[in-house]
Every structure is written in structure tokens, then in C-alpha cells.
Amino acid sequence: MRGMGSGSRVLRSHREYERYNRPGHFWLPLLEGEHVSSDVALVNGEPCWWRHVTGKPLQQGTFDYWTVLAEGRPDIEAHGGDWLCKHLVGYTGMVNLETIGAKIIEVHLRFADQWPDL
């Protein structure tokens, strides 16, 4: 997937859209707020474990490193938990949620490699 958000950008005009649009690209509203990556363990679609990290951004949608957060993120856990319970009924396993300003921008059936030893 070549760096996930690599090459992402804010398009401020139709001219920029025409210049940078490529096959496979998609658009979404410009969200503001903290970008948080959250890993969640689900049992029958119910979240039972959460861990959150924030990334140190570089340019073009990539990150230099991630900081593991000790505290929960109630806004993400409430909104994300509702979405997971609705859309992953019966699923048992790990999920990764990417959020900006507590709004989900991506969902993956995978988790970060720092958690298996827990």
C-alpha cells in the first residue's frame, strides 16, 4: 500500500484536483483534530480492550514515529465502539481504527505489531 497516506494532500481548487488526481485516489472532507490510531480487541463484536497511539507527522501523509498513550480516549471509544458493535457483529479478533478528531477515517482487520507480547 506504499505508505498508507503517502501522497495525500489538501486540494484547494478544482485546478489542484485535476493536477493531482490519480486512479485509485479518493476524497473525503478535510477533518481537523488529532490523528489517533487505535487498536481494539473484539469478542463477538464487543470491544473489550483498547490502546491508542499518536503519530509524529512527516510530509505527504506519512509518520516518523508513534507514541503509545497510557490514557483512554473516551470520545474515540464511544463513537468507535458504537460503529464496531453495529458493523462487526459476531467478529472476534483485532481491529485498527484510524481517526481524526475522533471521526473514523479507516478501519482495518489488523493491529500494530507492538501488542502481541501483551
PDB file of N, CA and C in Angstrom:
ATOM      1  N   MET A   1       0.821  -1.200   0.000  1.00  0.00           N
ATOM      2  CA  MET A   1       0.000   0.000   0.000  1.00  0.00           C
ATOM      3  C   MET A   1       0.858   1.255   0.000  1.00  0.00           C
ATOM      4  N   ARG A   2       2.137   1.093  -0.125  1.00  0.00           N
ATOM      5  CA  ARG A   2       3.062   2.204  -0.329  1.00  0.00           C
ATOM      6  C   ARG A   2       2.873   3.371   0.624  1.00  0.00           C
ATOM      7  N   GLY A   3       2.909   3.093   1.906  1.00  0.00           N
ATOM      8  CA  GLY A   3       2.934   4.185   2.871  1.00  0.00           C
ATOM      9  C   GLY A   3       1.576   4.716   3.269  1.00  0.00           C
ATOM     10  N   MET A   4       0.528   3.935   3.092  1.00  0.00           N
ATOM     11  CA  MET A   4      -0.835   4.283   3.509  1.00  0.00           C
ATOM     12  C   MET A   4      -1.233   5.674   3.018  1.00  0.00           C
ATOM     13  N   GLY A   5      -1.038   6.732   3.795  1.00  0.00           N
ATOM     14  CA  GLY A   5      -1.459   8.079   3.406  1.00  0.00           C
ATOM     15  C   GLY A   5      -0.450   8.808   2.550  1.00  0.00           C
ATOM     16  N   SER A   6       0.595   8.110   2.121  1.00  0.00           N
ATOM     17  CA  SER A   6       1.626   8.746   1.307  1.00  0.00           C
ATOM     18  C   SER A   6       1.010   9.366   0.064  1.00  0.00           C
ATOM     19  N   GLY A   7       1.350  10.604  -0.189  1.00  0.00           N
ATOM     20  CA  GLY A   7       0.828  11.301  -1.355  1.00  0.00           C
ATOM     21  C   GLY A   7      -0.480  12.023  -1.102  1.00  0.00           C
ATOM     22  N   SER A   8      -1.014  11.900   0.118  1.00  0.00           N
ATOM     23  CA  SER A   8      -2.263  12.612   0.407  1.00  0.00           C
ATOM     24  C   SER A   8      -1.975  14.105   0.484  1.00  0.00           C
ATOM     25  N   ARG A   9      -2.986  14.885   0.214  1.00  0.00           N
ATOM     26  CA  ARG A   9      -2.808  16.335   0.229  1.00  0.00           C
ATOM     27  C   ARG A   9      -4.152  17.025   0.324  1.00  0.00           C
ATOM     28  N   VAL A  10      -4.135  18.258   0.744  1.00  0.00           N
ATOM     29  CA  VAL A  10      -5.318  19.110   0.736  1.00  0.00           C
ATOM     30  C   VAL A  10      -5.413  19.722  -0.648  1.00  0.00           C
ATOM     31  N   LEU A  11      -6.575  19.612  -1.267  1.00  0.00           N
ATOM     32  CA  LEU A  11      -6.814  20.212  -2.575  1.00  0.00           C
ATOM     33  C   LEU A  11      -7.645  21.465  -2.373  1.00  0.00           C
ATOM     34  N   ARG A  12      -7.104  22.580  -2.769  1.00  0.00           N
ATOM     35  CA  ARG A  12      -7.757  23.852  -2.500  1.00  0.00           C
ATOM     36  C   ARG A  12      -8.470  24.442  -3.715  1.00  0.00           C
ATOM     37  N   SER A  13      -8.411  23.749  -4.838  1.00  0.00           N
ATOM     38  CA  SER A  13      -9.084  24.255  -6.033  1.00  0.00           C
ATOM     39  C   SER A  13      -9.354  23.109  -6.998  1.00  0.00           C
ATOM     40  N   HIS A  14     -10.247  23.354  -7.949  1.00  0.00           N
ATOM     41  CA  HIS A  14     -10.509  22.352  -8.975  1.00  0.00           C
ATOM     42  C   HIS A  14      -9.245  22.100  -9.809  1.00  0.00           C
ATOM     43  N   ARG A  15      -8.471  23.138 -10.016  1.00  0.00           N
ATOM     44  CA  ARG A  15      -7.206  23.001 -10.766  1.00  0.00           C
ATOM     45  C   ARG A  15      -6.261  22.029 -10.062  1.00  0.00           C
ATOM     46  N   GLU A  16      -6.133  22.155  -8.735  1.00  0.00           N
ATOM     47  CA  GLU A  16      -5.291  21.219  -7.979  1.00  0.00           C
ATOM     48  C   GLU A  16      -5.853  19.807  -8.052  1.00  0.00           C
ATOM     49  N   TYR A  17      -7.178  19.684  -7.999  1.00  0.00           N
ATOM     50  CA  TYR A  17      -7.796  18.370  -8.126  1.00  0.00           C
ATOM     51  C   TYR A  17      -7.400  17.734  -9.459  1.00  0.00           C
ATOM     52  N   GLU A  18      -7.522  18.456 -10.542  1.00  0.00           N
ATOM     53  CA  GLU A  18      -7.170  17.925 -11.859  1.00  0.00           C
ATOM     54  C   GLU A  18      -5.683  17.582 -11.947  1.00  0.00           C
ATOM     55  N   ARG A  19      -4.847  18.373 -11.310  1.00  0.00           N
ATOM     56  CA  ARG A  19      -3.399  18.137 -11.368  1.00  0.00           C
ATOM     57  C   ARG A  19      -2.984  16.882 -10.598  1.00  0.00           C
ATOM     58  N   TYR A  20      -3.549  16.663  -9.416  1.00  0.00           N
ATOM     59  CA  TYR A  20      -3.067  15.605  -8.533  1.00  0.00           C
ATOM     60  C   TYR A  20      -3.925  14.338  -8.531  1.00  0.00           C
ATOM     61  N   ASN A  21      -5.110  14.356  -9.106  1.00  0.00           N
ATOM     62  CA  ASN A  21      -5.984  13.187  -9.101  1.00  0.00           C
ATOM     63  C   ASN A  21      -5.353  12.046  -9.898  1.00  0.00           C
ATOM     64  N   ARG A  22      -5.329  10.852  -9.289  1.00  0.00           N
ATOM     65  CA  ARG A  22      -4.770   9.653  -9.924  1.00  0.00           C
ATOM     66  C   ARG A  22      -5.748   8.497  -9.733  1.00  0.00           C
ATOM     67  N   PRO A  23      -5.723   7.494 -10.605  1.00  0.00           N
ATOM     68  CA  PRO A  23      -6.566   6.315 -10.394  1.00  0.00           C
ATOM     69  C   PRO A  23      -6.301   5.708  -9.017  1.00  0.00           C
ATOM     70  N   GLY A  24      -7.358   5.334  -8.342  1.00  0.00           N
ATOM     71  CA  GLY A  24      -7.238   4.756  -7.002  1.00  0.00           C
ATOM     72  C   GLY A  24      -7.323   5.777  -5.893  1.00  0.00           C
ATOM     73  N   HIS A  25      -7.219   7.051  -6.201  1.00  0.00           N
ATOM     74  CA  HIS A  25      -7.359   8.085  -5.174  1.00  0.00           C
ATOM     75  C   HIS A  25      -8.824   8.239  -4.799  1.00  0.00           C
ATOM     76  N   PHE A  26      -9.069   8.768  -3.632  1.00  0.00           N
ATOM     77  CA  PHE A  26     -10.421   9.090  -3.198  1.00  0.00           C
ATOM     78  C   PHE A  26     -10.362  10.376  -2.409  1.00  0.00           C
ATOM     79  N   TRP A  27     -11.493  11.004  -2.235  1.00  0.00           N
ATOM     80  CA  TRP A  27     -11.533  12.244  -1.458  1.00  0.00           C
ATOM     81  C   TRP A  27     -12.418  12.054  -0.246  1.00  0.00           C
ATOM     82  N   LEU A  28     -12.211  12.896   0.731  1.00  0.00           N
ATOM     83  CA  LEU A  28     -13.046  12.932   1.913  1.00  0.00           C
ATOM     84  C   LEU A  28     -12.991  14.342   2.473  1.00  0.00           C
ATOM     85  N   PRO A  29     -13.924  14.686   3.329  1.00  0.00           N
ATOM     86  CA  PRO A  29     -13.890  16.035   3.918  1.00  0.00           C
ATOM     87  C   PRO A  29     -12.574  16.253   4.664  1.00  0.00           C
ATOM     88  N   LEU A  30     -12.137  17.487   4.684  1.00  0.00           N
ATOM     89  CA  LEU A  30     -10.930  17.837   5.422  1.00  0.00           C
ATOM     90  C   LEU A  30     -11.268  17.870   6.907  1.00  0.00           C
ATOM     91  N   LEU A  31     -10.753  16.882   7.635  1.00  0.00           N
ATOM     92  CA  LEU A  31     -11.009  16.790   9.072  1.00  0.00           C
ATOM     93  C   LEU A  31      -9.884  17.476   9.829  1.00  0.00           C
ATOM     94  N   GLU A  32     -10.245  18.058  10.946  1.00  0.00           N
ATOM     95  CA  GLU A  32      -9.254  18.698  11.797  1.00  0.00           C
ATOM     96  C   GLU A  32      -9.270  18.032  13.158  1.00  0.00           C
ATOM     97  N   GLY A  33      -8.153  18.071  13.821  1.00  0.00           N
ATOM     98  CA  GLY A  33      -8.039  17.471  15.140  1.00  0.00           C
ATOM     99  C   GLY A  33      -6.903  16.477  15.157  1.00  0.00           C
ATOM    100  N   GLU A  34      -6.785  15.820  16.274  1.00  0.00           N
ATOM    101  CA  GLU A  34      -5.691  14.881  16.495  1.00  0.00           C
ATOM    102  C   GLU A  34      -5.910  13.590  15.704  1.00  0.00           C
ATOM    103  N   HIS A  35      -4.839  13.124  15.064  1.00  0.00           N
ATOM    104  CA  HIS A  35      -4.870  11.830  14.367  1.00  0.00           C
ATOM    105  C   HIS A  35      -4.442  10.775  15.384  1.00  0.00           C
ATOM    106  N   VAL A  36      -5.345   9.823  15.641  1.00  0.00           N
ATOM    107  CA  VAL A  36      -5.084   8.758  16.607  1.00  0.00           C
ATOM    108  C   VAL A  36      -5.285   7.420  15.919  1.00  0.00           C
ATOM    109  N   SER A  37      -4.370   6.509  16.146  1.00  0.00           N
ATOM    110  CA  SER A  37      -4.502   5.131  15.687  1.00  0.00           C
ATOM    111  C   SER A  37      -4.855   4.286  16.907  1.00  0.00           C
ATOM    112  N   SER A  38      -5.982   3.576  16.832  1.00  0.00           N
ATOM    113  CA  SER A  38      -6.477   2.808  17.974  1.00  0.00           C
ATOM    114  C   SER A  38      -6.590   1.341  17.602  1.00  0.00           C
ATOM    115  N   ASP A  39      -6.042   0.481  18.432  1.00  0.00           N
ATOM    116  CA  ASP A  39      -6.195  -0.959  18.256  1.00  0.00           C
ATOM    117  C   ASP A  39      -7.202  -1.451  19.284  1.00  0.00           C
ATOM    118  N   VAL A  40      -8.094  -2.345  18.826  1.00  0.00           N
ATOM    119  CA  VAL A  40      -9.214  -2.798  19.651  1.00  0.00           C
ATOM    120  C   VAL A  40      -9.321  -4.315  19.557  1.00  0.00           C
ATOM    121  N   ALA A  41      -9.497  -4.962  20.697  1.00  0.00           N
ATOM    122  CA  ALA A  41      -9.819  -6.391  20.716  1.00  0.00           C
ATOM    123  C   ALA A  41     -11.330  -6.515  20.846  1.00  0.00           C
ATOM    124  N   LEU A  42     -11.929  -7.317  19.959  1.00  0.00           N
ATOM    125  CA  LEU A  42     -13.369  -7.547  19.980  1.00  0.00           C
ATOM    126  C   LEU A  42     -13.658  -9.009  20.309  1.00  0.00           C
ATOM    127  N   VAL A  43     -14.689  -9.229  21.090  1.00  0.00           N
ATOM    128  CA  VAL A  43     -15.208 -10.567  21.343  1.00  0.00           C
ATOM    129  C   VAL A  43     -16.686 -10.520  20.961  1.00  0.00           C
ATOM    130  N   ASN A  44     -17.035 -11.291  19.944  1.00  0.00           N
ATOM    131  CA  ASN A  44     -18.407 -11.268  19.415  1.00  0.00           C
ATOM    132  C   ASN A  44     -18.886  -9.852  19.112  1.00  0.00           C
ATOM    133  N   GLY A  45     -17.990  -9.050  18.529  1.00  0.00           N
ATOM    134  CA  GLY A  45     -18.353  -7.703  18.118  1.00  0.00           C
ATOM    135  C   GLY A  45     -18.336  -6.659  19.209  1.00  0.00           C
ATOM    136  N   GLU A  46     -18.006  -7.041  20.423  1.00  0.00           N
ATOM    137  CA  GLU A  46     -17.985  -6.104  21.554  1.00  0.00           C
ATOM    138  C   GLU A  46     -16.541  -5.745  21.916  1.00  0.00           C
ATOM    139  N   PRO A  47     -16.197  -4.447  21.918  1.00  0.00           N
ATOM    140  CA  PRO A  47     -14.846  -4.049  22.316  1.00  0.00           C
ATOM    141  C   PRO A  47     -14.567  -4.419  23.767  1.00  0.00           C
ATOM    142  N   CYS A  48     -13.402  -5.053  24.011  1.00  0.00           N
ATOM    143  CA  CYS A  48     -13.036  -5.411  25.383  1.00  0.00           C
ATOM    144  C   CYS A  48     -11.632  -4.930  25.747  1.00  0.00           C
ATOM    145  N   TRP A  49     -10.915  -4.320  24.802  1.00  0.00           N
ATOM    146  CA  TRP A  49      -9.559  -3.825  25.071  1.00  0.00           C
ATOM    147  C   TRP A  49      -9.233  -2.756  24.044  1.00  0.00           C
ATOM    148  N   TRP A  50      -8.704  -1.625  24.478  1.00  0.00           N
ATOM    149  CA  TRP A  50      -8.342  -0.515  23.592  1.00  0.00           C
ATOM    150  C   TRP A  50      -6.923  -0.060  23.909  1.00  0.00           C
ATOM    151  N   ARG A  51      -6.173   0.311  22.895  1.00  0.00           N
ATOM    152  CA  ARG A  51      -4.901   1.020  23.058  1.00  0.00           C
ATOM    153  C   ARG A  51      -4.816   2.051  21.942  1.00  0.00           C
ATOM    154  N   HIS A  52      -4.269   3.222  22.294  1.00  0.00           N
ATOM    155  CA  HIS A  52      -4.220   4.339  21.361  1.00  0.00           C
ATOM    156  C   HIS A  52      -2.789   4.835  21.211  1.00  0.00           C
ATOM    157  N   VAL A  53      -2.465   5.290  20.009  1.00  0.00           N
ATOM    158  CA  VAL A  53      -1.168   5.906  19.737  1.00  0.00           C
ATOM    159  C   VAL A  53      -1.388   7.147  18.874  1.00  0.00           C
ATOM    160  N   THR A  54      -0.477   8.095  19.019  1.00  0.00           N
ATOM    161  CA  THR A  54      -0.477   9.272  18.148  1.00  0.00           C
ATOM    162  C   THR A  54       0.818   9.278  17.354  1.00  0.00           C
ATOM    163  N   GLY A  55       0.738   9.778  16.135  1.00  0.00           N
ATOM    164  CA  GLY A  55       1.900   9.788  15.263  1.00  0.00           C
ATOM    165  C   GLY A  55       2.530  11.159  15.159  1.00  0.00           C
ATOM    166  N   LYS A  56       3.837  11.185  15.010  1.00  0.00           N
ATOM    167  CA  LYS A  56       4.574  12.412  14.714  1.00  0.00           C
ATOM    168  C   LYS A  56       4.586  12.539  13.199  1.00  0.00           C
ATOM    169  N   PRO A  57       3.793  13.476  12.640  1.00  0.00           N
ATOM    170  CA  PRO A  57       3.666  13.539  11.179  1.00  0.00           C
ATOM    171  C   PRO A  57       4.923  14.040  10.481  1.00  0.00           C
ATOM    172  N   LEU A  58       5.145  13.461   9.316  1.00  0.00           N
ATOM    173  CA  LEU A  58       6.129  13.968   8.360  1.00  0.00           C
ATOM    174  C   LEU A  58       5.326  14.615   7.236  1.00  0.00           C
ATOM    175  N   GLN A  59       5.890  14.713   6.066  1.00  0.00           N
ATOM    176  CA  GLN A  59       5.176  15.291   4.942  1.00  0.00           C
ATOM    177  C   GLN A  59       4.462  14.217   4.138  1.00  0.00           C
ATOM    178  N   GLN A  60       3.471  14.627   3.379  1.00  0.00           N
ATOM    179  CA  GLN A  60       2.725  13.792   2.444  1.00  0.00           C
ATOM    180  C   GLN A  60       2.036  12.604   3.099  1.00  0.00           C
ATOM    181  N   GLY A  61       1.488  12.805   4.299  1.00  0.00           N
ATOM    182  CA  GLY A  61       0.655  11.787   4.924  1.00  0.00           C
ATOM    183  C   GLY A  61       1.391  10.630   5.565  1.00  0.00           C
ATOM    184  N   THR A  62       2.686  10.768   5.814  1.00  0.00           N
ATOM    185  CA  THR A  62       3.445   9.704   6.471  1.00  0.00           C
ATOM    186  C   THR A  62       3.786  10.137   7.897  1.00  0.00           C
ATOM    187  N   PHE A  63       4.303   9.181   8.690  1.00  0.00           N
ATOM    188  CA  PHE A  63       4.630   9.449  10.087  1.00  0.00           C
ATOM    189  C   PHE A  63       6.057   9.028  10.386  1.00  0.00           C
ATOM    190  N   ASP A  64       6.704   9.778  11.262  1.00  0.00           N
ATOM    191  CA  ASP A  64       8.070   9.496  11.677  1.00  0.00           C
ATOM    192  C   ASP A  64       8.094   8.407  12.749  1.00  0.00           C
ATOM    193  N   TYR A  65       7.242   8.574  13.774  1.00  0.00           N
ATOM    194  CA  TYR A  65       7.160   7.593  14.850  1.00  0.00           C
ATOM    195  C   TYR A  65       5.810   7.735  15.541  1.00  0.00           C
ATOM    196  N   TRP A  66       5.493   6.755  16.375  1.00  0.00           N
ATOM    197  CA  TRP A  66       4.224   6.720  17.101  1.00  0.00           C
ATOM    198  C   TRP A  66       4.490   6.715  18.600  1.00  0.00           C
ATOM    199  N   THR A  67       3.655   7.417  19.359  1.00  0.00           N
ATOM    200  CA  THR A  67       3.748   7.460  20.815  1.00  0.00           C
ATOM    201  C   THR A  67       2.565   6.696  21.408  1.00  0.00           C
ATOM    202  N   VAL A  68       2.860   5.690  22.217  1.00  0.00           N
ATOM    203  CA  VAL A  68       1.815   4.902  22.872  1.00  0.00           C
ATOM    204  C   VAL A  68       1.256   5.723  24.037  1.00  0.00           C
ATOM    205  N   LEU A  69      -0.056   5.841  24.092  1.00  0.00           N
ATOM    206  CA  LEU A  69      -0.723   6.624  25.122  1.00  0.00           C
ATOM    207  C   LEU A  69      -1.182   5.722  26.261  1.00  0.00           C
ATOM    208  N   ALA A  70      -0.981   6.151  27.478  1.00  0.00           N
ATOM    209  CA  ALA A  70      -1.410   5.369  28.639  1.00  0.00           C
ATOM    210  C   ALA A  70      -2.910   5.531  28.891  1.00  0.00           C
ATOM    211  N   GLU A  71      -3.422   6.733  28.605  1.00  0.00           N
ATOM    212  CA  GLU A  71      -4.819   7.013  28.915  1.00  0.00           C
ATOM    213  C   GLU A  71      -5.754   6.553  27.797  1.00  0.00           C
ATOM    214  N   GLY A  72      -7.004   6.322  28.179  1.00  0.00           N
ATOM    215  CA  GLY A  72      -8.037   6.003  27.200  1.00  0.00           C
ATOM    216  C   GLY A  72      -8.443   7.247  26.430  1.00  0.00           C
ATOM    217  N   ARG A  73      -9.194   7.039  25.402  1.00  0.00           N
ATOM    218  CA  ARG A  73      -9.767   8.133  24.616  1.00  0.00           C
ATOM    219  C   ARG A  73     -11.277   7.926  24.565  1.00  0.00           C
ATOM    220  N   PRO A  74     -12.001   8.429  25.585  1.00  0.00           N
ATOM    221  CA  PRO A  74     -13.431   8.160  25.692  1.00  0.00           C
ATOM    222  C   PRO A  74     -14.240   8.541  24.448  1.00  0.00           C
ATOM    223  N   ASP A  75     -13.884   9.648  23.784  1.00  0.00           N
ATOM    224  CA  ASP A  75     -14.631  10.056  22.596  1.00  0.00           C
ATOM    225  C   ASP A  75     -14.463   9.048  21.462  1.00  0.00           C
ATOM    226  N   ILE A  76     -13.244   8.571  21.264  1.00  0.00           N
ATOM    227  CA  ILE A  76     -12.985   7.566  20.233  1.00  0.00           C
ATOM    228  C   ILE A  76     -13.630   6.233  20.625  1.00  0.00           C
ATOM    229  N   GLU A  77     -13.498   5.858  21.870  1.00  0.00           N
ATOM    230  CA  GLU A  77     -14.031   4.578  22.328  1.00  0.00           C
ATOM    231  C   GLU A  77     -15.554   4.551  22.257  1.00  0.00           C
ATOM    232  N   ALA A  78     -16.206   5.666  22.514  1.00  0.00           N
ATOM    233  CA  ALA A  78     -17.673   5.709  22.431  1.00  0.00           C
ATOM    234  C   ALA A  78     -18.120   5.633  20.974  1.00  0.00           C
ATOM    235  N   HIS A  79     -17.620   6.538  20.148  1.00  0.00           N
ATOM    236  CA  HIS A  79     -18.026   6.567  18.734  1.00  0.00           C
ATOM    237  C   HIS A  79     -17.549   5.311  18.011  1.00  0.00           C
ATOM    238  N   GLY A  80     -16.281   4.958  18.196  1.00  0.00           N
ATOM    239  CA  GLY A  80     -15.732   3.767  17.549  1.00  0.00           C
ATOM    240  C   GLY A  80     -16.392   2.497  18.041  1.00  0.00           C
ATOM    241  N   GLY A  81     -16.658   2.422  19.332  1.00  0.00           N
ATOM    242  CA  GLY A  81     -17.312   1.247  19.895  1.00  0.00           C
ATOM    243  C   GLY A  81     -18.713   1.051  19.326  1.00  0.00           C
ATOM    244  N   ASP A  82     -19.453   2.146  19.178  1.00  0.00           N
ATOM    245  CA  ASP A  82     -20.791   2.054  18.572  1.00  0.00           C
ATOM    246  C   ASP A  82     -20.695   1.532  17.143  1.00  0.00           C
ATOM    247  N   TRP A  83     -19.740   2.066  16.374  1.00  0.00           N
ATOM    248  CA  TRP A  83     -19.571   1.641  14.977  1.00  0.00           C
ATOM    249  C   TRP A  83     -19.202   0.161  14.911  1.00  0.00           C
ATOM    250  N   LEU A  84     -18.269  -0.261  15.748  1.00  0.00           N
ATOM    251  CA  LEU A  84     -17.837  -1.661  15.748  1.00  0.00           C
ATOM    252  C   LEU A  84     -18.974  -2.601  16.115  1.00  0.00           C
ATOM    253  N   CYS A  85     -19.749  -2.253  17.159  1.00  0.00           N
ATOM    254  CA  CYS A  85     -20.873  -3.097  17.582  1.00  0.00           C
ATOM    255  C   CYS A  85     -21.918  -3.225  16.484  1.00  0.00           C
ATOM    256  N   LYS A  86     -22.089  -2.184  15.703  1.00  0.00           N
ATOM    257  CA  LYS A  86     -23.080  -2.198  14.621  1.00  0.00           C
ATOM    258  C   LYS A  86     -22.592  -2.988  13.405  1.00  0.00           C
ATOM    259  N   HIS A  87     -21.312  -2.812  13.046  1.00  0.00           N
ATOM    260  CA  HIS A  87     -20.821  -3.346  11.779  1.00  0.00           C
ATOM    261  C   HIS A  87     -20.026  -4.640  11.883  1.00  0.00           C
ATOM    262  N   LEU A  88     -19.582  -5.013  13.074  1.00  0.00           N
ATOM    263  CA  LEU A  88     -18.787  -6.239  13.215  1.00  0.00           C
ATOM    264  C   LEU A  88     -19.427  -7.213  14.201  1.00  0.00           C
ATOM    265  N   VAL A  89     -20.730  -7.304  14.148  1.00  0.00           N
ATOM    266  CA  VAL A  89     -21.484  -8.230  14.999  1.00  0.00           C
ATOM    267  C   VAL A  89     -20.930  -9.649  14.826  1.00  0.00           C
ATOM    268  N   GLY A  90     -20.596 -10.297  15.931  1.00  0.00           N
ATOM    269  CA  GLY A  90     -20.115 -11.676  15.897  1.00  0.00           C
ATOM    270  C   GLY A  90     -18.632 -11.835  15.611  1.00  0.00           C
ATOM    271  N   TYR A  91     -17.940 -10.749  15.258  1.00  0.00           N
ATOM    272  CA  TYR A  91     -16.499 -10.838  14.948  1.00  0.00           C
ATOM    273  C   TYR A  91     -15.694 -10.908  16.245  1.00  0.00           C
ATOM    274  N   THR A  92     -14.758 -11.832  16.300  1.00  0.00           N
ATOM    275  CA  THR A  92     -13.804 -11.910  17.401  1.00  0.00           C
ATOM    276  C   THR A  92     -12.422 -11.794  16.812  1.00  0.00           C
ATOM    277  N   GLY A  93     -11.683 -10.796  17.255  1.00  0.00           N
ATOM    278  CA  GLY A  93     -10.346 -10.559  16.740  1.00  0.00           C
ATOM    279  C   GLY A  93      -9.940  -9.121  16.978  1.00  0.00           C
ATOM    280  N   MET A  94      -8.890  -8.707  16.288  1.00  0.00           N
ATOM    281  CA  MET A  94      -8.339  -7.367  16.448  1.00  0.00           C
ATOM    282  C   MET A  94      -8.771  -6.470  15.297  1.00  0.00           C
ATOM    283  N   VAL A  95      -8.910  -5.186  15.618  1.00  0.00           N
ATOM    284  CA  VAL A  95      -9.288  -4.169  14.646  1.00  0.00           C
ATOM    285  C   VAL A  95      -8.440  -2.934  14.911  1.00  0.00           C
ATOM    286  N   ASN A  96      -8.096  -2.235  13.839  1.00  0.00           N
ATOM    287  CA  ASN A  96      -7.410  -0.954  13.959  1.00  0.00           C
ATOM    288  C   ASN A  96      -8.336   0.124  13.419  1.00  0.00           C
ATOM    289  N   LEU A  97      -8.527   1.183  14.203  1.00  0.00           N
ATOM    290  CA  LEU A  97      -9.294   2.348  13.781  1.00  0.00           C
ATOM    291  C   LEU A  97      -8.341   3.525  13.644  1.00  0.00           C
ATOM    292  N   GLU A  98      -8.395   4.201  12.526  1.00  0.00           N
ATOM    293  CA  GLU A  98      -7.674   5.459  12.346  1.00  0.00           C
ATOM    294  C   GLU A  98      -8.709   6.563  12.445  1.00  0.00           C
ATOM    295  N   THR A  99      -8.442   7.555  13.285  1.00  0.00           N
ATOM    296  CA  THR A  99      -9.392   8.645  13.474  1.00  0.00           C
ATOM    297  C   THR A  99      -8.693   9.992  13.390  1.00  0.00           C
ATOM    298  N   ILE A 100      -9.452  10.983  12.987  1.00  0.00           N
ATOM    299  CA  ILE A 100      -9.030  12.382  13.076  1.00  0.00           C
ATOM    300  C   ILE A 100     -10.164  13.115  13.766  1.00  0.00           C
ATOM    301  N   GLY A 101      -9.844  13.773  14.865  1.00  0.00           N
ATOM    302  CA  GLY A 101     -10.879  14.460  15.627  1.00  0.00           C
ATOM    303  C   GLY A 101     -11.967  13.503  16.085  1.00  0.00           C
ATOM    304  N   ALA A 102     -11.588  12.268  16.422  1.00  0.00           N
ATOM    305  CA  ALA A 102     -12.480  11.197  16.888  1.00  0.00           C
ATOM    306  C   ALA A 102     -13.445  10.703  15.816  1.00  0.00           C
ATOM    307  N   LYS A 103     -13.251  11.111  14.562  1.00  0.00           N
ATOM    308  CA  LYS A 103     -14.067  10.610  13.449  1.00  0.00           C
ATOM    309  C   LYS A 103     -13.275   9.530  12.721  1.00  0.00           C
ATOM    310  N   ILE A 104     -13.904   8.412  12.457  1.00  0.00           N
ATOM    311  CA  ILE A 104     -13.230   7.285  11.806  1.00  0.00           C
ATOM    312  C   ILE A 104     -12.912   7.628  10.357  1.00  0.00           C
ATOM    313  N   ILE A 105     -11.637   7.424   9.982  1.00  0.00           N
ATOM    314  CA  ILE A 105     -11.244   7.609   8.588  1.00  0.00           C
ATOM    315  C   ILE A 105     -10.851   6.287   7.935  1.00  0.00           C
ATOM    316  N   GLU A 106     -10.465   5.289   8.719  1.00  0.00           N
ATOM    317  CA  GLU A 106     -10.108   3.973   8.196  1.00  0.00           C
ATOM    318  C   GLU A 106     -10.377   2.913   9.260  1.00  0.00           C
ATOM    319  N   VAL A 107     -10.715   1.702   8.802  1.00  0.00           N
ATOM    320  CA  VAL A 107     -10.869   0.554   9.685  1.00  0.00           C
ATOM    321  C   VAL A 107     -10.137  -0.615   9.045  1.00  0.00           C
ATOM    322  N   HIS A 108      -9.306  -1.309   9.810  1.00  0.00           N
ATOM    323  CA  HIS A 108      -8.524  -2.440   9.316  1.00  0.00           C
ATOM    324  C   HIS A 108      -8.709  -3.638  10.248  1.00  0.00           C
ATOM    325  N   LEU A 109      -8.795  -4.829   9.668  1.00  0.00           N
ATOM    326  CA  LEU A 109      -8.828  -6.054  10.481  1.00  0.00           C
ATOM    327  C   LEU A 109      -7.392  -6.505  10.723  1.00  0.00           C
ATOM    328  N   ARG A 110      -6.672  -5.691  11.441  1.00  0.00           N
ATOM    329  CA  ARG A 110      -5.279  -5.945  11.817  1.00  0.00           C
ATOM    330  C   ARG A 110      -4.970  -5.057  13.011  1.00  0.00           C
ATOM    331  N   PHE A 111      -3.768  -5.239  13.572  1.00  0.00           N
ATOM    332  CA  PHE A 111      -3.351  -4.399  14.690  1.00  0.00           C
ATOM    333  C   PHE A 111      -1.860  -4.158  14.602  1.00  0.00           C
ATOM    334  N   ALA A 112      -1.373  -3.214  15.385  1.00  0.00           N
ATOM    335  CA  ALA A 112       0.040  -2.863  15.379  1.00  0.00           C
ATOM    336  C   ALA A 112       0.872  -3.989  15.998  1.00  0.00           C
ATOM    337  N   ASP A 113       2.083  -4.110  15.544  1.00  0.00           N
ATOM    338  CA  ASP A 113       2.946  -5.221  15.972  1.00  0.00           C
ATOM    339  C   ASP A 113       3.509  -5.084  17.384  1.00  0.00           C
ATOM    340  N   GLN A 114       3.214  -3.991  18.087  1.00  0.00           N
ATOM    341  CA  GLN A 114       3.738  -3.881  19.453  1.00  0.00           C
ATOM    342  C   GLN A 114       2.866  -4.584  20.485  1.00  0.00           C
ATOM    343  N   TRP A 115       1.678  -5.072  20.124  1.00  0.00           N
ATOM    344  CA  TRP A 115       0.762  -5.637  21.110  1.00  0.00           C
ATOM    345  C   TRP A 115       0.846  -7.148  21.319  1.00  0.00           C
ATOM    346  N   PRO A 116       1.307  -7.982  20.397  1.00  0.00           N
ATOM    347  CA  PRO A 116       1.239  -9.435  20.610  1.00  0.00           C
ATOM    348  C   PRO A 116       1.890  -9.950  21.883  1.00  0.00           C
ATOM    349  N   ASP A 117       2.903  -9.278  22.391  1.00  0.00           N
ATOM    350  CA  ASP A 117       3.571  -9.763  23.605  1.00  0.00           C
ATOM    351  C   ASP A 117       2.774  -9.471  24.873  1.00  0.00           C
ATOM    352  N   LEU A 118       1.690  -8.703  24.771  1.00  0.00           N
ATOM    353  CA  LEU A 118       0.876  -8.435  25.952  1.00  0.00           C
ATOM    354  C   LEU A 118       0.039  -9.656  26.240  1.00  0.00           C
TER     355      LEU A 118
END
